[in-house]
Amino acid sequence: MLDELELLKKDWQRKGAELPKLSYDEIYRMIWKKSSSIVKWIFYISLIEFILPHLLYLIPSMRNNLSLYSDLGLSNIILVVSIIQYAVIFYFIYQFYKRYREISVLDNAKQLTSNILRTRKTVKHYVIFSLSMVMLTFILLIVGIYFTDNVLEALDLSGKMSSLAPEKAKWVIMASFAFFGVIFTVALGGIYFLLYGLLTRKLRKNYWELQKLEF
């Protein structure tokens, strides 16, 4: 089923139709409004994505999991990584807000086209950065496990893995973290694809609609 914009565009292009035709400016305004709404949702989703995990830390069991970094001697490096991560995430959120503010006041098709391209590129870089940070966290955990002598005690797994030799147990734990890290990253990538991918595909469609109008 054709969406409203496609229907209006066909009506505008149809020669000799009985229905009243829309002008170039009217169709451009339709694309502009849709693009502005999409960029606004990208900004909102990035905010929710940042806030929601921090709300989970209000749960006592989630706060206790933070001690894992300390037990593995990763507190300092995780602190540095977290500072860098927060700085970059705030930068991306600001960029999404900036794109939304810019697109809300545009009155030029060329500028709108350029803004759409910049927004899609920013979303792509944001997704790549976020997934990279997830993988980096798991890599640091695996490295921390490798260099921890009493890893079973550090992870409170002495009773559960007492049948295994300490060195073998360490490799089993590292393999488990690596497997879970890949699965979690792929699952998160799927969520990003559904959320941001759907929105950026709509932006791409708007971009091509603008290109057609220009010709």
C-alpha atoms as a PDB file:
ATOM      1  CA  MET A   1       0.000   0.000   0.000  1.00  0.00           C
ATOM      2  CA  LEU A   2       1.424   3.374  -0.995  1.00  0.00           C
ATOM      3  CA  ASP A   3       2.119   5.764   1.831  1.00  0.00           C
ATOM      4  CA  GLU A   4       0.671   9.237   1.910  1.00  0.00           C
ATOM      5  CA  LEU A   5       3.772  10.914   0.489  1.00  0.00           C
ATOM      6  CA  GLU A   6       4.021   8.526  -2.463  1.00  0.00           C
ATOM      7  CA  LEU A   7       0.326   8.997  -3.233  1.00  0.00           C
ATOM      8  CA  LEU A   8       0.635  12.764  -3.171  1.00  0.00           C
ATOM      9  CA  LYS A   9       3.767  12.672  -5.312  1.00  0.00           C
ATOM     10  CA  LYS A  10       2.043  10.560  -7.960  1.00  0.00           C
ATOM     11  CA  ASP A  11      -0.866  12.982  -7.884  1.00  0.00           C
ATOM     12  CA  TRP A  12       1.530  15.909  -8.355  1.00  0.00           C
ATOM     13  CA  GLN A  13       3.250  14.264 -11.300  1.00  0.00           C
ATOM     14  CA  ARG A  14       0.108  13.058 -13.078  1.00  0.00           C
ATOM     15  CA  LYS A  15      -0.648  15.224 -16.086  1.00  0.00           C
ATOM     16  CA  GLY A  16      -4.221  16.130 -16.777  1.00  0.00           C
ATOM     17  CA  ALA A  17      -5.609  14.516 -13.623  1.00  0.00           C
ATOM     18  CA  GLU A  18      -8.885  15.785 -12.297  1.00  0.00           C
ATOM     19  CA  LEU A  19      -7.653  15.997  -8.711  1.00  0.00           C
ATOM     20  CA  PRO A  20      -5.909  19.247  -7.730  1.00  0.00           C
ATOM     21  CA  LYS A  21      -2.144  19.031  -8.111  1.00  0.00           C
ATOM     22  CA  LEU A  22       0.345  19.783  -5.385  1.00  0.00           C
ATOM     23  CA  SER A  23       3.149  22.209  -5.940  1.00  0.00           C
ATOM     24  CA  TYR A  24       6.871  21.458  -5.531  1.00  0.00           C
ATOM     25  CA  ASP A  25       6.877  23.397  -2.243  1.00  0.00           C
ATOM     26  CA  GLU A  26       3.981  21.380  -0.822  1.00  0.00           C
ATOM     27  CA  ILE A  27       5.638  18.049  -1.548  1.00  0.00           C
ATOM     28  CA  TYR A  28       8.968  19.346  -0.219  1.00  0.00           C
ATOM     29  CA  ARG A  29       7.222  20.385   3.000  1.00  0.00           C
ATOM     30  CA  MET A  30       5.801  16.873   3.367  1.00  0.00           C
ATOM     31  CA  ILE A  31       9.291  15.365   3.073  1.00  0.00           C
ATOM     32  CA  TRP A  32      10.707  17.974   5.444  1.00  0.00           C
ATOM     33  CA  LYS A  33       8.112  17.213   8.136  1.00  0.00           C
ATOM     34  CA  LYS A  34       8.671  13.470   7.874  1.00  0.00           C
ATOM     35  CA  SER A  35      12.450  13.881   8.041  1.00  0.00           C
ATOM     36  CA  SER A  36      12.223  16.198  11.043  1.00  0.00           C
ATOM     37  CA  SER A  37      10.054  13.670  12.891  1.00  0.00           C
ATOM     38  CA  ILE A  38      12.467  10.811  12.113  1.00  0.00           C
ATOM     39  CA  VAL A  39      15.521  12.724  13.367  1.00  0.00           C
ATOM     40  CA  LYS A  40      13.599  13.695  16.502  1.00  0.00           C
ATOM     41  CA  TRP A  41      12.913  10.014  17.232  1.00  0.00           C
ATOM     42  CA  ILE A  42      16.570   9.148  16.678  1.00  0.00           C
ATOM     43  CA  PHE A  43      17.453  11.745  19.313  1.00  0.00           C
ATOM     44  CA  TYR A  44      14.809  10.457  21.749  1.00  0.00           C
ATOM     45  CA  ILE A  45      15.870   6.822  21.338  1.00  0.00           C
ATOM     46  CA  SER A  46      19.519   7.694  21.962  1.00  0.00           C
ATOM     47  CA  LEU A  47      18.506   9.414  25.208  1.00  0.00           C
ATOM     48  CA  ILE A  48      16.397   6.454  26.332  1.00  0.00           C
ATOM     49  CA  GLU A  49      19.208   4.074  25.434  1.00  0.00           C
ATOM     50  CA  PHE A  50      21.597   6.071  27.616  1.00  0.00           C
ATOM     51  CA  ILE A  51      19.261   6.498  30.604  1.00  0.00           C
ATOM     52  CA  LEU A  52      17.685   3.023  30.792  1.00  0.00           C
ATOM     53  CA  PRO A  53      20.836   0.997  31.674  1.00  0.00           C
ATOM     54  CA  HIS A  54      21.647   3.471  34.445  1.00  0.00           C
ATOM     55  CA  LEU A  55      18.189   2.990  35.949  1.00  0.00           C
ATOM     56  CA  LEU A  56      18.937  -0.734  36.166  1.00  0.00           C
ATOM     57  CA  TYR A  57      21.812   0.031  38.525  1.00  0.00           C
ATOM     58  CA  LEU A  58      19.217   1.079  41.089  1.00  0.00           C
ATOM     59  CA  ILE A  59      18.539  -2.651  41.491  1.00  0.00           C
ATOM     60  CA  PRO A  60      20.823  -4.030  44.265  1.00  0.00           C
ATOM     61  CA  SER A  61      21.808  -7.156  42.299  1.00  0.00           C
ATOM     62  CA  MET A  62      22.935  -5.018  39.362  1.00  0.00           C
ATOM     63  CA  ARG A  63      25.032  -2.808  41.650  1.00  0.00           C
ATOM     64  CA  ASN A  64      26.698  -5.900  43.090  1.00  0.00           C
ATOM     65  CA  ASN A  65      27.790  -6.963  39.601  1.00  0.00           C
ATOM     66  CA  LEU A  66      29.970  -3.860  39.422  1.00  0.00           C
ATOM     67  CA  SER A  67      32.268  -5.429  42.020  1.00  0.00           C
ATOM     68  CA  LEU A  68      33.341  -7.903  39.318  1.00  0.00           C
ATOM     69  CA  TYR A  69      35.641  -5.280  37.791  1.00  0.00           C
ATOM     70  CA  SER A  70      37.295  -4.676  41.132  1.00  0.00           C
ATOM     71  CA  ASP A  71      37.717  -8.410  41.791  1.00  0.00           C
ATOM     72  CA  LEU A  72      39.492  -8.799  38.453  1.00  0.00           C
ATOM     73  CA  GLY A  73      41.703  -5.729  39.001  1.00  0.00           C
ATOM     74  CA  LEU A  74      40.020  -3.761  36.228  1.00  0.00           C
ATOM     75  CA  SER A  75      38.661  -0.833  38.228  1.00  0.00           C
ATOM     76  CA  ASN A  76      41.101   1.780  36.930  1.00  0.00           C
ATOM     77  CA  ILE A  77      41.002   0.812  33.269  1.00  0.00           C
ATOM     78  CA  ILE A  78      37.194   0.487  33.334  1.00  0.00           C
ATOM     79  CA  LEU A  79      37.038   3.975  34.847  1.00  0.00           C
ATOM     80  CA  VAL A  80      39.138   5.400  32.002  1.00  0.00           C
ATOM     81  CA  VAL A  81      37.113   3.524  29.366  1.00  0.00           C
ATOM     82  CA  SER A  82      33.855   4.696  30.964  1.00  0.00           C
ATOM     83  CA  ILE A  83      34.946   8.343  30.924  1.00  0.00           C
ATOM     84  CA  ILE A  84      35.847   8.089  27.236  1.00  0.00           C
ATOM     85  CA  GLN A  85      32.613   6.234  26.495  1.00  0.00           C
ATOM     86  CA  TYR A  86      30.443   8.822  28.256  1.00  0.00           C
ATOM     87  CA  ALA A  87      32.223  11.671  26.486  1.00  0.00           C
ATOM     88  CA  VAL A  88      31.692  10.096  23.055  1.00  0.00           C
ATOM     89  CA  ILE A  89      28.053   9.148  23.770  1.00  0.00           C
ATOM     90  CA  PHE A  90      27.280  12.702  24.921  1.00  0.00           C
ATOM     91  CA  TYR A  91      28.893  13.925  21.712  1.00  0.00           C
ATOM     92  CA  PHE A  92      26.641  11.703  19.596  1.00  0.00           C
ATOM     93  CA  ILE A  93      23.523  12.675  21.539  1.00  0.00           C
ATOM     94  CA  TYR A  94      24.422  16.318  21.011  1.00  0.00           C
ATOM     95  CA  GLN A  95      24.923  15.643  17.297  1.00  0.00           C
ATOM     96  CA  PHE A  96      21.475  14.040  17.054  1.00  0.00           C
ATOM     97  CA  TYR A  97      19.951  17.024  18.842  1.00  0.00           C
ATOM     98  CA  LYS A  98      21.877  19.406  16.582  1.00  0.00           C
ATOM     99  CA  ARG A  99      20.675  17.577  13.452  1.00  0.00           C
ATOM    100  CA  TYR A 100      17.104  17.790  14.708  1.00  0.00           C
ATOM    101  CA  ARG A 101      17.362  21.514  15.443  1.00  0.00           C
ATOM    102  CA  GLU A 102      18.911  22.151  12.043  1.00  0.00           C
ATOM    103  CA  ILE A 103      16.364  20.146  10.125  1.00  0.00           C
ATOM    104  CA  SER A 104      13.477  21.828  11.953  1.00  0.00           C
ATOM    105  CA  VAL A 105      14.219  25.218  10.395  1.00  0.00           C
ATOM    106  CA  LEU A 106      15.407  24.252   6.911  1.00  0.00           C
ATOM    107  CA  ASP A 107      13.726  25.859   3.921  1.00  0.00           C
ATOM    108  CA  ASN A 108      16.040  24.590   1.222  1.00  0.00           C
ATOM    109  CA  ALA A 109      15.915  21.144  -0.432  1.00  0.00           C
ATOM    110  CA  LYS A 110      19.695  21.028  -0.911  1.00  0.00           C
ATOM    111  CA  GLN A 111      20.301  21.732   2.786  1.00  0.00           C
ATOM    112  CA  LEU A 112      17.720  19.127   3.786  1.00  0.00           C
ATOM    113  CA  THR A 113      19.406  16.540   1.559  1.00  0.00           C
ATOM    114  CA  SER A 114      22.776  17.329   3.126  1.00  0.00           C
ATOM    115  CA  ASN A 115      21.329  17.098   6.648  1.00  0.00           C
ATOM    116  CA  ILE A 116      19.776  13.709   5.917  1.00  0.00           C
ATOM    117  CA  LEU A 117      23.118  12.371   4.685  1.00  0.00           C
ATOM    118  CA  ARG A 118      24.943  13.707   7.772  1.00  0.00           C
ATOM    119  CA  THR A 119      22.319  12.221  10.100  1.00  0.00           C
ATOM    120  CA  ARG A 120      22.559   8.772   8.509  1.00  0.00           C
ATOM    121  CA  LYS A 121      26.366   8.892   8.742  1.00  0.00           C
ATOM    122  CA  THR A 122      26.197   9.961  12.407  1.00  0.00           C
ATOM    123  CA  VAL A 123      23.815   7.097  13.235  1.00  0.00           C
ATOM    124  CA  LYS A 124      26.125   4.622  11.487  1.00  0.00           C
ATOM    125  CA  HIS A 125      29.155   5.820  13.461  1.00  0.00           C
ATOM    126  CA  TYR A 126      27.169   5.772  16.710  1.00  0.00           C
ATOM    127  CA  VAL A 127      26.066   2.163  16.219  1.00  0.00           C
ATOM    128  CA  ILE A 128      29.597   1.056  15.336  1.00  0.00           C
ATOM    129  CA  PHE A 129      31.007   2.822  18.401  1.00  0.00           C
ATOM    130  CA  SER A 130      28.375   1.377  20.763  1.00  0.00           C
ATOM    131  CA  LEU A 131      28.897  -2.194  19.568  1.00  0.00           C
ATOM    132  CA  SER A 132      32.672  -1.737  19.713  1.00  0.00           C
ATOM    133  CA  MET A 133      32.439  -0.624  23.352  1.00  0.00           C
ATOM    134  CA  VAL A 134      30.387  -3.709  24.219  1.00  0.00           C
ATOM    135  CA  MET A 135      32.999  -5.966  22.644  1.00  0.00           C
ATOM    136  CA  LEU A 136      35.811  -4.039  24.360  1.00  0.00           C
ATOM    137  CA  THR A 137      34.163  -4.566  27.743  1.00  0.00           C
ATOM    138  CA  PHE A 138      34.027  -8.326  27.240  1.00  0.00           C
ATOM    139  CA  ILE A 139      37.609  -8.386  25.973  1.00  0.00           C
ATOM    140  CA  LEU A 140      38.770  -6.543  29.109  1.00  0.00           C
ATOM    141  CA  LEU A 141      36.865  -9.020  31.282  1.00  0.00           C
ATOM    142  CA  ILE A 142      38.529 -11.948  29.501  1.00  0.00           C
ATOM    143  CA  VAL A 143      41.965 -10.346  29.898  1.00  0.00           C
ATOM    144  CA  GLY A 144      41.210  -9.677  33.578  1.00  0.00           C
ATOM    145  CA  ILE A 145      40.236 -13.321  34.076  1.00  0.00           C
ATOM    146  CA  TYR A 146      43.408 -14.509  32.370  1.00  0.00           C
ATOM    147  CA  PHE A 147      45.662 -12.453  34.656  1.00  0.00           C
ATOM    148  CA  THR A 148      43.768 -13.253  37.871  1.00  0.00           C
ATOM    149  CA  ASP A 149      45.356 -16.071  39.842  1.00  0.00           C
ATOM    150  CA  ASN A 150      42.410 -17.095  42.018  1.00  0.00           C
ATOM    151  CA  VAL A 151      39.746 -16.481  39.429  1.00  0.00           C
ATOM    152  CA  LEU A 152      37.302 -19.019  40.886  1.00  0.00           C
ATOM    153  CA  GLU A 153      37.345 -17.217  44.210  1.00  0.00           C
ATOM    154  CA  ALA A 154      37.183 -13.813  42.559  1.00  0.00           C
ATOM    155  CA  LEU A 155      34.057 -14.836  40.639  1.00  0.00           C
ATOM    156  CA  ASP A 156      32.663 -16.874  43.546  1.00  0.00           C
ATOM    157  CA  LEU A 157      32.651 -20.046  41.444  1.00  0.00           C
ATOM    158  CA  SER A 158      34.729 -22.305  43.664  1.00  0.00           C
ATOM    159  CA  GLY A 159      31.802 -24.529  44.599  1.00  0.00           C
ATOM    160  CA  LYS A 160      30.337 -24.733  41.108  1.00  0.00           C
ATOM    161  CA  MET A 161      33.559 -25.620  39.303  1.00  0.00           C
ATOM    162  CA  SER A 162      35.432 -27.518  42.002  1.00  0.00           C
ATOM    163  CA  SER A 163      35.652 -30.622  39.794  1.00  0.00           C
ATOM    164  CA  LEU A 164      37.842 -28.802  37.264  1.00  0.00           C
ATOM    165  CA  ALA A 165      41.511 -27.987  37.588  1.00  0.00           C
ATOM    166  CA  PRO A 166      42.028 -24.256  38.262  1.00  0.00           C
ATOM    167  CA  GLU A 167      43.781 -23.640  34.928  1.00  0.00           C
ATOM    168  CA  LYS A 168      41.153 -25.542  32.947  1.00  0.00           C
ATOM    169  CA  ALA A 169      38.372 -23.775  34.837  1.00  0.00           C
ATOM    170  CA  LYS A 170      39.935 -20.428  33.906  1.00  0.00           C
ATOM    171  CA  TRP A 171      39.873 -21.289  30.196  1.00  0.00           C
ATOM    172  CA  VAL A 172      36.288 -22.521  30.445  1.00  0.00           C
ATOM    173  CA  ILE A 173      35.281 -19.221  32.050  1.00  0.00           C
ATOM    174  CA  MET A 174      37.149 -17.201  29.410  1.00  0.00           C
ATOM    175  CA  ALA A 175      35.493 -19.186  26.614  1.00  0.00           C
ATOM    176  CA  SER A 176      32.089 -18.659  28.247  1.00  0.00           C
ATOM    177  CA  PHE A 177      32.621 -14.892  28.460  1.00  0.00           C
ATOM    178  CA  ALA A 178      33.803 -14.805  24.836  1.00  0.00           C
ATOM    179  CA  PHE A 179      30.748 -16.762  23.657  1.00  0.00           C
ATOM    180  CA  PHE A 180      28.323 -14.647  25.662  1.00  0.00           C
ATOM    181  CA  GLY A 181      30.066 -11.471  24.479  1.00  0.00           C
ATOM    182  CA  VAL A 182      29.571 -12.411  20.823  1.00  0.00           C
ATOM    183  CA  ILE A 183      25.932 -13.426  21.381  1.00  0.00           C
ATOM    184  CA  PHE A 184      25.174 -10.248  23.346  1.00  0.00           C
ATOM    185  CA  THR A 185      26.841  -8.016  20.754  1.00  0.00           C
ATOM    186  CA  VAL A 186      24.970  -9.693  17.892  1.00  0.00           C
ATOM    187  CA  ALA A 187      21.669  -9.398  19.789  1.00  0.00           C
ATOM    188  CA  LEU A 188      22.327  -5.734  20.532  1.00  0.00           C
ATOM    189  CA  GLY A 189      23.252  -5.191  16.896  1.00  0.00           C
ATOM    190  CA  GLY A 190      19.895  -6.695  15.928  1.00  0.00           C
ATOM    191  CA  ILE A 191      18.100  -4.262  18.227  1.00  0.00           C
ATOM    192  CA  TYR A 192      20.045  -1.367  16.722  1.00  0.00           C
ATOM    193  CA  PHE A 193      19.127  -2.611  13.261  1.00  0.00           C
ATOM    194  CA  LEU A 194      15.432  -2.642  14.160  1.00  0.00           C
ATOM    195  CA  LEU A 195      15.432   0.760  15.844  1.00  0.00           C
ATOM    196  CA  TYR A 196      17.989   2.923  14.083  1.00  0.00           C
ATOM    197  CA  GLY A 197      17.977   0.890  10.872  1.00  0.00           C
ATOM    198  CA  LEU A 198      14.260   1.387  10.373  1.00  0.00           C
ATOM    199  CA  LEU A 199      14.559   5.133  10.918  1.00  0.00           C
ATOM    200  CA  THR A 200      17.610   5.558   8.696  1.00  0.00           C
ATOM    201  CA  ARG A 201      15.917   3.587   5.911  1.00  0.00           C
ATOM    202  CA  LYS A 202      13.043   6.051   6.070  1.00  0.00           C
ATOM    203  CA  LEU A 203      15.553   8.898   5.894  1.00  0.00           C
ATOM    204  CA  ARG A 204      17.157   7.279   2.865  1.00  0.00           C
ATOM    205  CA  LYS A 205      13.758   7.055   1.217  1.00  0.00           C
ATOM    206  CA  ASN A 206      13.183  10.748   1.896  1.00  0.00           C
ATOM    207  CA  TYR A 207      16.606  11.507   0.453  1.00  0.00           C
ATOM    208  CA  TRP A 208      15.758   9.790  -2.832  1.00  0.00           C
ATOM    209  CA  GLU A 209      12.394  11.551  -2.920  1.00  0.00           C
ATOM    210  CA  LEU A 210      14.235  14.859  -2.691  1.00  0.00           C
ATOM    211  CA  GLN A 211      16.616  13.773  -5.442  1.00  0.00           C
ATOM    212  CA  LYS A 212      13.666  13.005  -7.706  1.00  0.00           C
ATOM    213  CA  LEU A 213      12.104  16.386  -6.981  1.00  0.00           C
ATOM    214  CA  GLU A 214      15.326  18.106  -7.967  1.00  0.00           C
ATOM    215  CA  PHE A 215      15.083  16.517 -11.380  1.00  0.00           C
END
